[in-house]
């Protein structure tokens, strides 16, 4: 999963026509490391979406403007608009994340 490195890259990423999933995380978060163990399989099952990671501390203004209160959080953007937000409490297992990603069509 590519990591967002700049404000411009973030803006370009969220303005994509397709579903863009951004994992807000930090380097010290145990739940983030757990998610990293299985997120590759989830990504492989959802090839219609583009996945990125973003350090919520390094880019704290983006986390705040998107209501990220816990990490990891998975946010989905399309055409510059946040269309979904899976809070950290519900991002613990592959099944929880896959179920969330499968409901995206109904959110557009």
N, C-alpha and C. Protein backbone atom coordinates (compact mmCIF):
# COMPACT_ATOMS: atom_id res chain seq x y z
N UNK A 1 0.84 -1.16 0.00
CA UNK A 1 0.00 0.00 0.00
C UNK A 1 0.90 1.24 0.00
N UNK A 2 0.64 2.11 -0.93
CA UNK A 2 1.44 3.33 -1.04
C UNK A 2 1.10 4.27 0.11
N UNK A 3 2.13 4.94 0.63
CA UNK A 3 1.95 5.89 1.72
C UNK A 3 1.94 7.31 1.15
N UNK A 4 0.95 8.10 1.55
CA UNK A 4 0.85 9.49 1.13
C UNK A 4 1.96 10.28 1.82
N UNK A 5 2.70 11.06 0.99
CA UNK A 5 3.88 11.77 1.50
C UNK A 5 3.75 13.29 1.50
N UNK A 6 2.69 13.82 0.87
CA UNK A 6 2.59 15.28 0.79
C UNK A 6 1.13 15.72 0.75
N UNK A 7 0.92 16.99 1.03
CA UNK A 7 -0.42 17.55 0.96
C UNK A 7 -0.97 17.43 -0.46
N UNK A 8 -0.14 17.73 -1.46
CA UNK A 8 -0.60 17.66 -2.84
C UNK A 8 -0.99 16.23 -3.23
N UNK A 9 -0.20 15.27 -2.80
CA UNK A 9 -0.53 13.88 -3.09
C UNK A 9 -1.86 13.50 -2.45
N UNK A 10 -2.10 13.95 -1.23
CA UNK A 10 -3.37 13.69 -0.56
C UNK A 10 -4.53 14.27 -1.36
N UNK A 11 -4.40 15.53 -1.77
CA UNK A 11 -5.47 16.19 -2.52
C UNK A 11 -5.72 15.50 -3.85
N UNK A 12 -4.66 15.13 -4.55
CA UNK A 12 -4.81 14.40 -5.81
C UNK A 12 -5.50 13.06 -5.59
N UNK A 13 -5.14 12.41 -4.51
CA UNK A 13 -5.67 11.08 -4.21
C UNK A 13 -7.16 11.12 -3.91
N UNK A 14 -7.59 12.05 -3.07
CA UNK A 14 -9.00 12.07 -2.69
C UNK A 14 -9.90 12.56 -3.82
N UNK A 15 -9.34 13.22 -4.81
CA UNK A 15 -10.14 13.74 -5.92
C UNK A 15 -10.28 12.76 -7.07
N UNK A 16 -9.91 11.53 -6.86
CA UNK A 16 -10.04 10.49 -7.88
C UNK A 16 -11.51 10.17 -8.13
N UNK A 17 -11.81 9.71 -9.36
CA UNK A 17 -13.17 9.32 -9.71
C UNK A 17 -13.60 8.03 -9.01
N UNK A 18 -12.65 7.13 -8.82
CA UNK A 18 -12.97 5.83 -8.22
C UNK A 18 -12.97 5.92 -6.71
N UNK A 19 -13.21 4.77 -6.08
CA UNK A 19 -13.15 4.69 -4.62
C UNK A 19 -11.70 4.69 -4.17
N UNK A 20 -11.34 5.65 -3.33
CA UNK A 20 -10.01 5.74 -2.76
C UNK A 20 -10.12 5.51 -1.26
N UNK A 21 -9.47 4.46 -0.79
CA UNK A 21 -9.50 4.10 0.63
C UNK A 21 -8.19 4.55 1.25
N UNK A 22 -8.28 5.37 2.29
CA UNK A 22 -7.08 5.83 3.00
C UNK A 22 -7.12 5.30 4.42
N UNK A 23 -6.06 4.59 4.77
CA UNK A 23 -5.90 4.08 6.14
C UNK A 23 -5.13 5.13 6.94
N UNK A 24 -5.81 5.77 7.88
CA UNK A 24 -5.15 6.71 8.78
C UNK A 24 -4.55 5.91 9.92
N UNK A 25 -3.24 6.06 10.11
CA UNK A 25 -2.54 5.28 11.12
C UNK A 25 -1.41 6.10 11.73
N UNK A 26 -0.64 5.47 12.62
CA UNK A 26 0.59 6.05 13.16
C UNK A 26 1.63 4.93 13.28
N UNK A 27 2.85 5.33 13.51
CA UNK A 27 3.93 4.33 13.61
C UNK A 27 3.89 3.57 14.92
N UNK A 28 3.29 4.12 15.96
CA UNK A 28 3.33 3.52 17.30
C UNK A 28 2.08 2.71 17.65
N UNK A 29 1.08 2.69 16.80
CA UNK A 29 -0.23 2.12 17.12
C UNK A 29 -0.25 0.59 16.98
N UNK A 30 -0.50 -0.15 18.08
CA UNK A 30 -0.55 -1.62 17.99
C UNK A 30 -1.67 -2.14 17.08
N UNK A 31 -2.85 -1.51 17.13
CA UNK A 31 -3.94 -1.95 16.26
C UNK A 31 -3.62 -1.71 14.78
N UNK A 32 -2.85 -0.66 14.51
CA UNK A 32 -2.44 -0.39 13.12
C UNK A 32 -1.52 -1.51 12.63
N UNK A 33 -0.61 -1.93 13.48
CA UNK A 33 0.30 -3.02 13.12
C UNK A 33 -0.47 -4.33 12.91
N UNK A 34 -1.48 -4.57 13.73
CA UNK A 34 -2.31 -5.75 13.55
C UNK A 34 -3.04 -5.69 12.21
N UNK A 35 -3.60 -4.54 11.88
CA UNK A 35 -4.29 -4.36 10.60
C UNK A 35 -3.34 -4.61 9.44
N UNK A 36 -2.12 -4.16 9.57
CA UNK A 36 -1.12 -4.35 8.51
C UNK A 36 -0.86 -5.83 8.22
N UNK A 37 -1.09 -6.68 9.21
CA UNK A 37 -0.84 -8.12 9.03
C UNK A 37 -1.80 -8.74 8.01
N UNK A 38 -3.02 -8.20 7.89
CA UNK A 38 -4.00 -8.82 6.99
C UNK A 38 -4.57 -7.89 5.91
N UNK A 39 -4.20 -6.62 5.92
CA UNK A 39 -4.80 -5.70 4.95
C UNK A 39 -4.45 -6.05 3.51
N UNK A 40 -3.31 -6.67 3.29
CA UNK A 40 -2.92 -7.07 1.93
C UNK A 40 -3.94 -8.00 1.30
N UNK A 41 -4.43 -8.96 2.07
CA UNK A 41 -5.45 -9.89 1.56
C UNK A 41 -6.75 -9.15 1.26
N UNK A 42 -7.11 -8.20 2.10
CA UNK A 42 -8.33 -7.41 1.88
C UNK A 42 -8.19 -6.60 0.59
N UNK A 43 -7.03 -5.99 0.41
CA UNK A 43 -6.78 -5.20 -0.81
C UNK A 43 -6.91 -6.09 -2.04
N UNK A 44 -6.36 -7.28 -1.97
CA UNK A 44 -6.43 -8.22 -3.11
C UNK A 44 -7.86 -8.58 -3.47
N UNK A 45 -8.76 -8.56 -2.49
CA UNK A 45 -10.16 -8.91 -2.73
C UNK A 45 -10.98 -7.72 -3.23
N UNK A 46 -10.41 -6.53 -3.18
CA UNK A 46 -11.15 -5.32 -3.55
C UNK A 46 -10.35 -4.53 -4.59
N UNK A 47 -10.15 -5.14 -5.74
CA UNK A 47 -9.33 -4.54 -6.79
C UNK A 47 -10.01 -3.35 -7.47
N UNK A 48 -11.28 -3.12 -7.18
CA UNK A 48 -12.00 -1.97 -7.74
C UNK A 48 -11.74 -0.70 -6.93
N UNK A 49 -10.93 -0.79 -5.88
CA UNK A 49 -10.62 0.34 -5.03
C UNK A 49 -9.11 0.55 -4.98
N UNK A 50 -8.72 1.79 -4.74
CA UNK A 50 -7.30 2.12 -4.60
C UNK A 50 -7.03 2.42 -3.12
N UNK A 51 -5.97 1.83 -2.59
CA UNK A 51 -5.67 1.93 -1.16
C UNK A 51 -4.39 2.72 -0.93
N UNK A 52 -4.43 3.58 0.09
CA UNK A 52 -3.28 4.36 0.52
C UNK A 52 -3.23 4.36 2.04
N UNK A 53 -2.07 4.70 2.57
CA UNK A 53 -1.90 4.89 4.01
C UNK A 53 -1.46 6.33 4.24
N UNK A 54 -1.85 6.87 5.40
CA UNK A 54 -1.50 8.24 5.74
C UNK A 54 -1.22 8.31 7.24
N UNK A 55 -0.10 8.90 7.61
CA UNK A 55 0.26 9.05 9.01
C UNK A 55 -0.60 10.16 9.63
N UNK A 56 -1.47 9.78 10.55
CA UNK A 56 -2.42 10.72 11.14
C UNK A 56 -1.74 11.79 11.99
N UNK A 57 -0.53 11.54 12.47
CA UNK A 57 0.20 12.56 13.23
C UNK A 57 0.93 13.51 12.29
N UNK A 58 1.54 12.96 11.28
CA UNK A 58 2.28 13.80 10.32
C UNK A 58 1.32 14.74 9.58
N UNK A 59 0.12 14.25 9.29
CA UNK A 59 -0.87 15.04 8.58
C UNK A 59 -2.10 15.25 9.46
N UNK A 60 -1.87 15.74 10.67
CA UNK A 60 -2.93 15.91 11.65
C UNK A 60 -4.08 16.78 11.14
N UNK A 61 -3.84 17.86 10.37
CA UNK A 61 -4.97 18.64 9.87
C UNK A 61 -5.94 17.80 9.01
N UNK A 62 -5.44 16.86 8.23
CA UNK A 62 -6.32 16.01 7.43
C UNK A 62 -7.12 15.07 8.32
N UNK A 63 -6.48 14.55 9.36
CA UNK A 63 -7.19 13.69 10.30
C UNK A 63 -8.30 14.47 10.99
N UNK A 64 -8.00 15.68 11.43
CA UNK A 64 -8.99 16.49 12.13
C UNK A 64 -10.15 16.87 11.22
N UNK A 65 -9.86 17.31 10.01
CA UNK A 65 -10.93 17.76 9.12
C UNK A 65 -11.84 16.61 8.69
N UNK A 66 -11.34 15.38 8.82
CA UNK A 66 -12.14 14.20 8.45
C UNK A 66 -12.71 13.46 9.65
N UNK A 67 -12.58 14.03 10.83
CA UNK A 67 -13.18 13.44 12.02
C UNK A 67 -12.53 12.15 12.48
N UNK A 68 -11.24 11.99 12.21
CA UNK A 68 -10.52 10.79 12.67
C UNK A 68 -10.19 10.98 14.14
N UNK A 69 -10.84 10.18 14.97
CA UNK A 69 -10.65 10.27 16.42
C UNK A 69 -9.90 9.07 16.97
N UNK A 70 -9.81 8.01 16.19
CA UNK A 70 -9.10 6.81 16.62
C UNK A 70 -8.41 6.19 15.42
N UNK A 71 -7.37 5.46 15.72
CA UNK A 71 -6.60 4.82 14.65
C UNK A 71 -6.47 3.33 14.93
N UNK A 72 -6.43 2.53 13.91
CA UNK A 72 -6.54 2.90 12.51
C UNK A 72 -7.99 3.22 12.14
N UNK A 73 -8.17 4.10 11.20
CA UNK A 73 -9.48 4.39 10.62
C UNK A 73 -9.35 4.30 9.12
N UNK A 74 -10.35 3.75 8.48
CA UNK A 74 -10.37 3.65 7.02
C UNK A 74 -11.42 4.61 6.49
N UNK A 75 -10.98 5.57 5.70
CA UNK A 75 -11.87 6.54 5.10
C UNK A 75 -11.91 6.31 3.60
N UNK A 76 -13.08 6.50 3.02
CA UNK A 76 -13.23 6.32 1.58
C UNK A 76 -13.64 7.64 0.96
N UNK A 77 -12.94 8.00 -0.10
CA UNK A 77 -13.19 9.24 -0.82
C UNK A 77 -13.53 8.95 -2.27
N UNK A 78 -14.31 9.85 -2.85
CA UNK A 78 -14.59 9.79 -4.28
C UNK A 78 -14.88 11.22 -4.73
N UNK A 79 -14.17 11.65 -5.75
CA UNK A 79 -14.36 13.00 -6.30
C UNK A 79 -14.25 14.09 -5.23
N UNK A 80 -13.28 13.94 -4.32
CA UNK A 80 -13.02 14.95 -3.30
C UNK A 80 -13.93 14.92 -2.10
N UNK A 81 -14.86 13.99 -2.04
CA UNK A 81 -15.82 13.92 -0.95
C UNK A 81 -15.61 12.64 -0.14
N UNK A 82 -15.62 12.78 1.19
CA UNK A 82 -15.56 11.59 2.05
C UNK A 82 -16.94 10.95 2.01
N UNK A 83 -16.98 9.68 1.59
CA UNK A 83 -18.27 9.00 1.48
C UNK A 83 -18.47 7.92 2.54
N UNK A 84 -17.40 7.55 3.23
CA UNK A 84 -17.52 6.52 4.27
C UNK A 84 -16.35 6.62 5.24
N UNK A 85 -16.60 6.14 6.46
CA UNK A 85 -15.58 6.21 7.51
C UNK A 85 -15.76 5.00 8.42
N UNK A 86 -14.79 4.11 8.40
CA UNK A 86 -14.80 2.96 9.30
C UNK A 86 -13.92 3.31 10.49
N UNK A 87 -14.56 3.52 11.64
CA UNK A 87 -13.83 3.91 12.84
C UNK A 87 -13.00 2.74 13.38
N UNK A 88 -11.97 3.08 14.12
CA UNK A 88 -11.02 2.09 14.63
C UNK A 88 -11.70 0.95 15.38
N UNK A 89 -12.75 1.25 16.09
CA UNK A 89 -13.46 0.22 16.87
C UNK A 89 -13.96 -0.91 15.98
N UNK A 90 -14.28 -0.59 14.72
CA UNK A 90 -14.85 -1.58 13.80
C UNK A 90 -13.87 -2.03 12.73
N UNK A 91 -12.58 -1.71 12.89
CA UNK A 91 -11.56 -2.07 11.89
C UNK A 91 -10.56 -3.06 12.48
N UNK A 92 -11.06 -4.08 13.16
CA UNK A 92 -10.18 -5.02 13.86
C UNK A 92 -9.95 -6.33 13.12
N UNK A 93 -10.87 -6.72 12.23
CA UNK A 93 -10.74 -8.02 11.58
C UNK A 93 -10.91 -7.89 10.07
N UNK A 94 -10.40 -8.86 9.31
CA UNK A 94 -10.60 -8.83 7.86
C UNK A 94 -12.09 -8.84 7.50
N UNK A 95 -12.90 -9.59 8.24
CA UNK A 95 -14.33 -9.66 7.95
C UNK A 95 -15.00 -8.30 8.14
N UNK A 96 -14.67 -7.59 9.20
CA UNK A 96 -15.26 -6.27 9.43
C UNK A 96 -14.91 -5.32 8.30
N UNK A 97 -13.67 -5.34 7.87
CA UNK A 97 -13.23 -4.42 6.83
C UNK A 97 -13.83 -4.78 5.48
N UNK A 98 -13.86 -6.05 5.15
CA UNK A 98 -14.44 -6.48 3.88
C UNK A 98 -15.94 -6.13 3.82
N UNK A 99 -16.64 -6.36 4.90
CA UNK A 99 -18.08 -6.04 4.94
C UNK A 99 -18.29 -4.55 4.70
N UNK A 100 -17.47 -3.74 5.34
CA UNK A 100 -17.54 -2.28 5.18
C UNK A 100 -17.28 -1.89 3.73
N UNK A 101 -16.25 -2.46 3.13
CA UNK A 101 -15.90 -2.10 1.75
C UNK A 101 -16.96 -2.55 0.76
N UNK A 102 -17.63 -3.64 1.06
CA UNK A 102 -18.67 -4.15 0.16
C UNK A 102 -19.94 -3.29 0.19
N UNK A 103 -20.11 -2.46 1.21
CA UNK A 103 -21.30 -1.61 1.29
C UNK A 103 -21.11 -0.26 0.60
N UNK A 104 -19.95 -0.01 0.03
CA UNK A 104 -19.66 1.32 -0.52
C UNK A 104 -20.58 1.71 -1.67
N UNK A 105 -20.95 0.77 -2.50
CA UNK A 105 -21.80 1.11 -3.65
C UNK A 105 -23.08 1.80 -3.21
N UNK A 106 -23.62 1.40 -2.06
CA UNK A 106 -24.87 1.97 -1.59
C UNK A 106 -24.70 3.37 -1.00
N UNK A 107 -23.46 3.79 -0.78
CA UNK A 107 -23.19 5.09 -0.16
C UNK A 107 -23.03 6.21 -1.18
N UNK A 108 -22.95 5.84 -2.45
CA UNK A 108 -22.69 6.86 -3.48
C UNK A 108 -23.99 7.48 -3.94
